[in-house]
Protein backbone atom coordinates (compact mmCIF):
# COMPACT_ATOMS: atom_id res chain seq x y z
CA MET A 1 -12.89 127.16 91.12
CA SER A 2 -16.24 128.81 89.65
CA THR A 3 -18.28 126.70 87.29
CA ILE A 4 -21.44 127.76 85.30
CA PRO A 5 -24.97 126.63 86.86
CA PRO A 6 -26.83 123.91 85.00
CA THR A 7 -30.41 124.42 84.17
CA ALA A 8 -32.96 123.59 86.50
CA PRO A 9 -35.87 122.15 84.08
CA THR A 10 -39.01 120.70 85.90
CA GLY A 11 -41.60 118.04 85.19
CA GLN A 12 -40.53 115.65 82.35
CA ASP A 13 -37.48 117.99 81.46
CA ALA A 14 -36.18 117.06 85.10
CA PRO A 15 -32.41 115.59 84.75
CA LEU A 16 -32.39 111.93 85.19
CA LEU A 17 -28.73 112.41 86.66
CA SER A 18 -27.44 115.25 88.04
CA VAL A 19 -23.54 115.84 89.22
CA ARG A 20 -22.60 118.43 91.25
CA ASP A 21 -19.12 119.87 92.08
CA LEU A 22 -17.77 116.35 91.89
CA ALA A 23 -14.19 116.33 93.69
CA VAL A 24 -12.55 112.58 93.78
CA ARG A 25 -9.06 112.97 95.28
CA PHE A 26 -6.57 109.79 96.53
CA ASP A 27 -4.13 110.05 98.84
CA THR A 28 -0.42 108.98 97.27
CA PRO A 29 3.26 108.99 98.90
CA GLY A 30 3.65 111.98 96.56
CA GLY A 31 0.84 113.82 97.54
CA THR A 32 -2.81 114.19 97.14
CA VAL A 33 -3.94 113.50 93.57
CA ALA A 34 -7.22 115.25 91.77
CA ALA A 35 -8.43 112.52 89.52
CA VAL A 36 -11.92 114.54 89.33
CA ASP A 37 -11.58 117.77 90.06
CA GLY A 38 -15.72 119.88 90.44
CA VAL A 39 -17.18 118.31 87.93
CA SER A 40 -20.70 119.49 87.25
CA PHE A 41 -23.22 118.59 84.38
CA ASP A 42 -27.15 117.01 83.99
CA LEU A 43 -28.35 114.56 81.77
CA THR A 44 -32.15 114.21 81.10
CA ALA A 45 -34.02 110.91 79.78
CA GLY A 46 -33.17 110.15 76.00
CA ARG A 47 -30.22 112.63 75.41
CA ALA A 48 -27.02 111.42 75.48
CA LEU A 49 -23.82 112.95 76.99
CA GLY A 50 -20.33 112.32 75.41
CA VAL A 51 -17.31 112.55 77.78
CA VAL A 52 -14.09 112.98 75.77
CA GLY A 53 -10.46 113.38 77.00
CA GLU A 54 -6.89 111.76 77.00
CA SER A 55 -5.85 109.06 79.03
CA GLY A 56 -5.86 110.62 82.64
CA SER A 57 -7.93 113.16 82.06
CA GLY A 58 -10.66 111.44 85.05
CA LYS A 59 -13.20 109.90 82.39
CA THR A 60 -13.10 106.44 83.99
CA VAL A 61 -12.76 107.61 88.00
CA LEU A 62 -15.94 109.86 87.10
CA SER A 63 -18.04 106.99 85.79
CA ARG A 64 -17.34 104.52 88.64
CA VAL A 65 -18.02 107.47 91.25
CA VAL A 66 -21.33 108.04 89.09
CA MET A 67 -21.80 104.53 89.47
CA ASN A 68 -20.80 104.44 93.10
CA LEU A 69 -18.47 101.74 92.09
CA LEU A 70 -15.24 103.36 93.00
CA SER A 71 -13.45 101.04 96.00
CA VAL A 72 -10.15 102.33 96.12
CA SER A 73 -8.21 102.10 99.31
CA ASN A 74 -6.55 105.44 99.04
CA ALA A 75 -9.37 107.31 97.96
CA LEU A 76 -10.48 110.13 100.22
CA PRO A 77 -13.69 110.90 101.10
CA ILE A 78 -15.95 111.93 98.06
CA GLU A 79 -16.97 115.37 97.60
CA GLY A 80 -20.13 116.64 96.03
CA GLU A 81 -23.67 115.01 94.91
CA VAL A 82 -24.52 112.59 92.37
CA LEU A 83 -28.32 112.74 92.13
CA PHE A 84 -30.33 109.82 90.42
CA ARG A 85 -33.63 110.80 90.38
CA GLY A 86 -32.85 113.04 93.37
CA GLU A 87 -31.40 111.14 95.45
CA ASN A 88 -27.69 111.37 96.12
CA LEU A 89 -26.15 107.83 95.36
CA LEU A 90 -23.00 108.51 97.10
CA GLU A 91 -25.12 108.52 100.38
CA MET A 92 -26.81 105.49 99.62
CA ARG A 93 -26.61 102.42 101.07
CA ARG A 94 -24.94 99.16 99.36
CA LYS A 95 -28.04 97.24 99.88
CA ASN A 96 -30.35 100.02 97.95
CA LEU A 97 -27.27 100.45 95.44
CA ARG A 98 -27.91 96.60 94.38
CA LYS A 99 -31.38 96.97 93.52
CA LEU A 100 -30.54 100.04 91.04
CA TRP A 101 -27.24 98.12 89.89
CA GLY A 102 -28.03 96.22 86.74
CA ASP A 103 -31.88 97.56 87.23
CA ASP A 104 -32.01 101.21 86.51
CA LEU A 105 -28.30 102.12 86.50
CA ALA A 106 -26.14 99.87 84.06
CA MET A 107 -22.36 100.01 82.58
CA VAL A 108 -20.71 98.72 79.70
CA PHE A 109 -17.12 98.47 80.29
CA GLN A 110 -13.84 98.62 77.99
CA ASP A 111 -13.07 95.02 77.81
CA PRO A 112 -15.68 92.56 77.62
CA MET A 113 -13.14 89.93 78.46
CA THR A 114 -12.62 91.29 81.65
CA SER A 115 -16.58 92.43 82.23
CA LEU A 116 -17.77 88.58 81.37
CA ASN A 117 -17.07 85.47 83.46
CA PRO A 118 -14.58 83.30 81.12
CA THR A 119 -16.26 80.23 83.21
CA MET A 120 -19.61 80.63 82.79
CA LYS A 121 -21.91 80.30 79.46
CA ILE A 122 -23.50 83.08 77.77
CA GLY A 123 -27.06 82.36 78.76
CA PRO A 124 -26.33 82.00 82.24
CA GLN A 125 -24.94 85.37 82.52
CA ILE A 126 -27.59 87.23 80.88
CA THR A 127 -30.35 85.43 82.76
CA GLU A 128 -28.70 86.23 86.07
CA ALA A 129 -29.82 89.59 86.29
CA LEU A 130 -33.11 88.77 85.40
CA TYR A 131 -33.55 86.36 88.34
CA LEU A 132 -32.45 88.68 90.65
CA HIS A 133 -34.33 92.09 89.84
CA ARG A 134 -37.38 90.20 87.68
CA LYS A 135 -40.15 87.82 89.35
CA ILE A 136 -39.45 85.28 86.26
CA SER A 137 -39.50 81.85 85.25
CA LYS A 138 -36.69 79.84 83.85
CA LYS A 139 -38.10 79.48 80.45
CA GLY A 140 -39.15 83.34 80.69
CA ALA A 141 -35.72 84.12 81.32
CA ARG A 142 -34.51 82.42 78.46
CA ASP A 143 -36.87 83.68 75.88
CA ARG A 144 -35.67 87.11 77.11
CA ALA A 145 -32.14 86.27 76.90
CA LEU A 146 -32.71 85.11 73.25
CA GLN A 147 -34.71 88.36 72.87
CA LEU A 148 -31.82 90.43 73.86
CA LEU A 149 -29.38 88.49 71.72
CA GLU A 150 -31.61 89.22 68.55
CA GLU A 151 -31.63 92.79 69.45
CA VAL A 152 -28.09 93.18 69.90
CA GLY A 153 -27.38 91.54 66.40
CA ILE A 154 -26.16 88.75 66.72
CA PRO A 155 -26.73 85.66 64.61
CA GLU A 156 -27.88 82.08 65.75
CA PRO A 157 -28.73 83.46 69.20
CA THR A 158 -29.64 80.01 70.27
CA ARG A 159 -26.49 78.53 69.85
CA ARG A 160 -24.68 81.56 71.66
CA LEU A 161 -26.57 80.64 74.26
CA LYS A 162 -24.32 77.80 74.92
CA GLN A 163 -20.99 79.31 74.11
CA PHE A 164 -18.58 80.54 76.18
CA PRO A 165 -17.00 84.27 75.90
CA HIS A 166 -13.62 82.67 74.34
CA GLU A 167 -15.75 81.26 71.81
CA LEU A 168 -17.04 84.44 70.24
CA SER A 169 -15.35 87.42 68.13
CA GLY A 170 -14.18 90.51 69.79
CA GLY A 171 -17.29 92.55 68.26
CA MET A 172 -20.10 89.66 69.50
CA ARG A 173 -18.49 89.95 73.08
CA GLN A 174 -19.22 93.14 73.28
CA ARG A 175 -23.02 92.91 71.91
CA VAL A 176 -23.19 90.31 74.76
CA THR A 177 -22.30 93.13 77.46
CA ILE A 178 -24.57 95.42 76.08
CA ALA A 179 -27.12 92.60 76.18
CA ILE A 180 -26.61 92.13 80.21
CA ALA A 181 -26.64 95.66 80.42
CA LEU A 182 -30.06 96.44 79.04
CA ALA A 183 -31.79 92.65 80.39
CA CYS A 184 -33.48 94.99 82.79
CA ASP A 185 -34.44 98.35 80.85
CA PRO A 186 -32.16 100.63 82.85
CA VAL A 187 -33.01 104.46 82.48
CA LEU A 188 -29.21 105.41 82.33
CA LEU A 189 -26.57 103.15 80.89
CA ILE A 190 -22.72 104.30 81.05
CA ALA A 191 -20.40 103.13 78.06
CA ASP A 192 -17.13 103.21 78.86
CA GLU A 193 -14.63 103.40 75.83
CA PRO A 194 -16.94 100.32 74.60
CA THR A 195 -14.80 100.45 71.33
CA THR A 196 -11.32 100.37 72.41
CA ALA A 197 -10.36 97.00 71.21
CA LEU A 198 -12.49 96.75 68.22
CA ASP A 199 -11.84 97.34 64.50
CA VAL A 200 -13.21 100.50 62.87
CA THR A 201 -16.48 98.02 61.26
CA VAL A 202 -17.03 96.90 64.54
CA GLN A 203 -16.81 100.32 66.20
CA ALA A 204 -19.16 101.54 63.83
CA GLN A 205 -21.85 98.95 64.76
CA ILE A 206 -21.54 99.15 68.36
CA LEU A 207 -21.52 102.81 68.55
CA ASP A 208 -24.96 103.05 66.46
CA LEU A 209 -26.51 99.97 68.46
CA LEU A 210 -26.04 101.92 71.52
CA ASP A 211 -27.29 105.19 69.92
CA THR A 212 -30.53 103.03 68.59
CA GLU A 213 -30.97 101.58 71.77
CA ARG A 214 -30.81 104.90 73.74
CA THR A 215 -33.44 106.27 71.37
CA GLU A 216 -36.15 103.47 71.58
CA ARG A 217 -35.89 102.75 74.83
CA GLN A 218 -35.47 106.92 75.99
CA MET A 219 -32.96 106.23 78.14
CA GLY A 220 -30.04 108.52 79.23
CA LEU A 221 -26.81 107.66 77.70
CA ILE A 222 -23.44 108.54 79.09
CA LEU A 223 -20.41 107.78 76.66
CA ILE A 224 -16.93 107.83 77.20
CA SER A 225 -14.42 107.90 74.66
CA HIS A 226 -10.51 109.24 74.41
CA ASP A 227 -12.07 110.33 70.47
CA LEU A 228 -13.74 113.08 69.86
CA GLY A 229 -15.17 111.47 66.52
CA VAL A 230 -16.64 108.21 68.56
CA VAL A 231 -19.27 111.37 69.81
CA GLU A 232 -19.86 112.76 67.08
CA GLY A 233 -23.21 112.65 65.79
CA ARG A 234 -24.46 110.01 68.22
CA THR A 235 -24.49 112.61 71.13
CA ASN A 236 -26.63 115.74 72.22
CA ASP A 237 -23.89 117.20 74.30
CA VAL A 238 -20.28 117.17 75.21
CA ASN A 239 -18.14 117.53 77.93
CA VAL A 240 -14.57 118.03 77.23
CA MET A 241 -12.32 116.88 80.11
CA TYR A 242 -8.52 117.82 80.91
CA ALA A 243 -6.51 117.04 84.08
CA GLY A 244 -9.58 116.26 85.89
CA ARG A 245 -12.17 119.50 84.77
CA VAL A 246 -14.04 119.73 82.14
CA VAL A 247 -12.74 122.67 80.12
CA GLU A 248 -15.53 122.59 77.70
CA SER A 249 -19.19 121.58 77.73
CA ALA A 250 -21.46 122.34 74.73
CA PRO A 251 -23.90 121.01 72.38
CA THR A 252 -22.02 118.51 70.46
CA ALA A 253 -22.64 119.96 67.07
CA SER A 254 -21.23 123.27 68.53
CA VAL A 255 -18.18 121.88 69.52
CA PHE A 256 -17.46 120.65 65.89
CA ALA A 257 -18.80 123.77 64.08
CA GLN A 258 -16.60 126.05 66.94
CA PRO A 259 -14.60 124.72 69.75
CA ARG A 260 -14.00 127.26 72.54
CA HIS A 261 -11.75 125.81 73.92
CA PRO A 262 -7.88 125.48 72.44
CA TYR A 263 -7.74 121.78 73.61
CA THR A 264 -10.90 120.78 72.01
CA GLU A 265 -9.70 122.84 68.73
CA ALA A 266 -6.54 120.37 68.80
CA LEU A 267 -8.47 117.48 69.59
CA ILE A 268 -10.49 118.43 66.63
CA SER A 269 -7.59 119.30 64.21
CA SER A 270 -5.85 115.89 65.25
CA MET A 271 -8.80 113.97 63.76
CA PRO A 272 -8.12 112.12 60.32
CA THR A 273 -10.57 113.15 57.58
CA ILE A 274 -11.66 111.95 54.55
CA THR A 275 -11.00 114.85 52.71
CA ASN A 276 -7.37 115.46 53.21
CA PRO A 277 -4.92 113.92 50.82
CA SER A 278 -3.40 110.74 51.31
CA HIS A 279 -0.39 110.64 53.52
CA THR A 280 -1.38 113.80 55.22
CA ARG A 281 0.48 114.93 58.10
CA LEU A 282 -1.92 114.70 60.82
CA SER A 283 -1.94 117.74 63.10
CA ALA A 284 -0.59 116.74 66.81
CA ILE A 285 -0.62 118.35 70.40
CA PRO A 286 2.62 118.86 71.57
CA GLY A 287 3.73 118.21 75.17
CA ALA A 288 1.85 115.88 77.37
CA PRO A 289 -0.88 115.96 79.83
CA PRO A 290 0.47 117.38 83.55
CA PRO A 291 1.67 114.63 85.78
CA PRO A 292 -1.12 114.70 88.44
CA LEU A 293 1.33 115.68 91.22
CA ARG A 294 2.96 118.59 88.96
CA ARG A 295 0.13 120.20 87.59
CA PRO A 296 0.50 123.90 86.82
CA LYS A 297 -0.71 126.69 88.93
CA GLY A 298 -2.99 128.33 86.63
CA CYS A 299 -4.62 126.80 83.39
CA LYS A 300 -3.66 123.17 83.24
CA TYR A 301 -3.77 123.37 79.34
CA SER A 302 -1.54 126.24 79.30
CA PRO A 303 2.12 124.38 78.84
CA ARG A 304 0.83 123.09 75.59
CA CYS A 305 -1.71 126.10 74.15
CA GLU A 306 -0.51 127.88 71.33
CA TYR A 307 -3.18 131.08 72.87
CA ALA A 308 -1.31 130.87 76.69
CA GLN A 309 -0.50 134.58 77.63
CA GLN A 310 0.61 135.47 81.56
CA ARG A 311 -2.34 135.36 82.69
CA CYS A 312 -2.94 131.78 82.14
CA VAL A 313 0.31 131.39 83.91
CA ASP A 314 -0.67 133.23 86.84
CA GLU A 315 -4.50 132.17 86.97
CA ASP A 316 -6.63 129.15 86.61
CA PRO A 317 -9.65 129.91 84.76
CA GLY A 318 -13.40 128.18 85.61
CA LEU A 319 -15.81 127.09 83.33
CA MET A 320 -17.67 130.24 82.04
CA PRO A 321 -19.82 131.07 79.38
CA PRO A 322 -17.55 132.62 76.46
CA THR A 323 -20.17 135.34 75.13
CA ASN A 324 -23.12 136.38 76.11
CA GLU A 325 -24.85 135.04 73.08
CA GLU A 326 -23.76 131.00 74.32
CA THR A 327 -25.06 130.70 77.72
CA ASN A 328 -25.62 126.93 76.85
CA ARG A 329 -21.93 125.89 76.82
CA GLY A 330 -19.19 126.85 78.61
CA THR A 331 -15.58 126.87 78.59
CA ALA A 332 -12.55 126.96 81.03
CA CYS A 333 -10.56 129.43 78.53
CA PHE A 334 -9.84 133.20 79.26
CA PHE A 335 -8.62 133.40 75.52
CA PRO A 336 -11.30 131.19 73.40
CA PRO A 337 -10.65 130.15 69.89
CA GLY A 338 -13.13 131.88 67.68
CA THR A 339 -13.17 134.97 69.76
CA ASP A 340 -11.85 138.59 69.44
CA ARG A 341 -9.77 137.88 72.50
CA GLY A 342 -8.52 134.75 71.36
CA HIS A 343 -7.46 135.78 67.73
CA GLU A 344 -5.32 138.51 69.53
CA ALA A 345 -3.69 136.15 71.94
CA LEU A 346 -2.73 133.94 69.14
CA ALA A 347 -1.52 136.90 66.74
CA ARG A 348 0.63 138.23 69.79
CA ASN A 349 1.86 134.86 70.32
CA LYS A 350 2.71 133.96 66.43
CA ALA A 351 4.50 137.40 66.52
CA ALA A 352 6.80 136.56 69.37
CA GLY A 353 7.65 132.97 68.17
CA ARG A 354 6.50 131.48 71.56
CA THR A 355 3.80 131.79 74.25
CA ALA A 356 3.96 132.82 77.72
CA THR A 357 4.77 129.17 78.81
CA GLY A 358 7.40 128.91 76.40
CA LEU A 359 5.79 126.88 73.38
CA ASP A 360 7.85 127.78 70.31
CA LEU A 361 5.53 128.65 67.65
CA THR A 362 8.00 129.38 65.19
CA PRO A 363 6.77 127.44 61.79
CA ALA A 364 8.99 124.01 60.95
CA GLU A 365 10.92 123.74 58.23
CA VAL A 366 10.02 121.33 55.51
CA SER A 367 12.40 119.30 54.26
């Protein structure tokens, strides 16, 4: 699979994190499953990268491998490199990794109730990392914990330190996990679906908090989500994943202005907007992601794609620049939306009423 070679900046712009041709496979009774298949990207300090895709696209496995936290008995040897400040985390000894975890590298998980210890009060859970990574007194650790709770917007921080996780709301629990992640001033933070279990208002507050902390601390942020709307306005760049691969990589503004992969275009079309009239039917992506053991030979998205041609059935596109003018983005598509090739492919399929993979494009009758 061909990939776009990431730029190789030097000096202050050198990547904080460089992922190169990362491949993660699992041995299952039905055969080998590629959860992550040839993913590459760079992240510099102070910038935010969004990783977006449906469930099963490989987002969470990617985040665990980047942190070197993947511990699955049926995982095959990981291929590729995860370079943090030039050092390959995949080759680092566990003892050295423990010095990085919580100090230079931190993670916010999807469900705070599973990442917080239900038998410990909030205070000790925050100060634990401080005692481990910093030479600090008991009073100094408590003062730092109070400062962190205030920083993440938790009211009455003195009282909260003495409470257990179940005594806090979902939004406050997630703020506590963010406070723990930020305790030792990490330079890279990974947030894996940090707002899934929260209501819309609290979601916005948590996302704004992460963005503020990233900006003020100049740390790198990887924001993982199944929702493109979550990364809009809060990330600099986006990697759209499908079936274990990055199918589009581009600046966030460019993705929303003009998606160059049919999957990205379909995800954006399925988002509700305030400009649509009430009760407007949302656009749905037909079908479902392919089962890991039965992925198509060619483009993995082709069975669901209204642009699909015979070439998409026969060949598997790699990540490549769609035009000479857009070298800062890439798409794994032979017929990108918004290009002449894309317009022609879509017109042919609509005239025929179906795609090369048999997807029906006949207009639905309105009853």
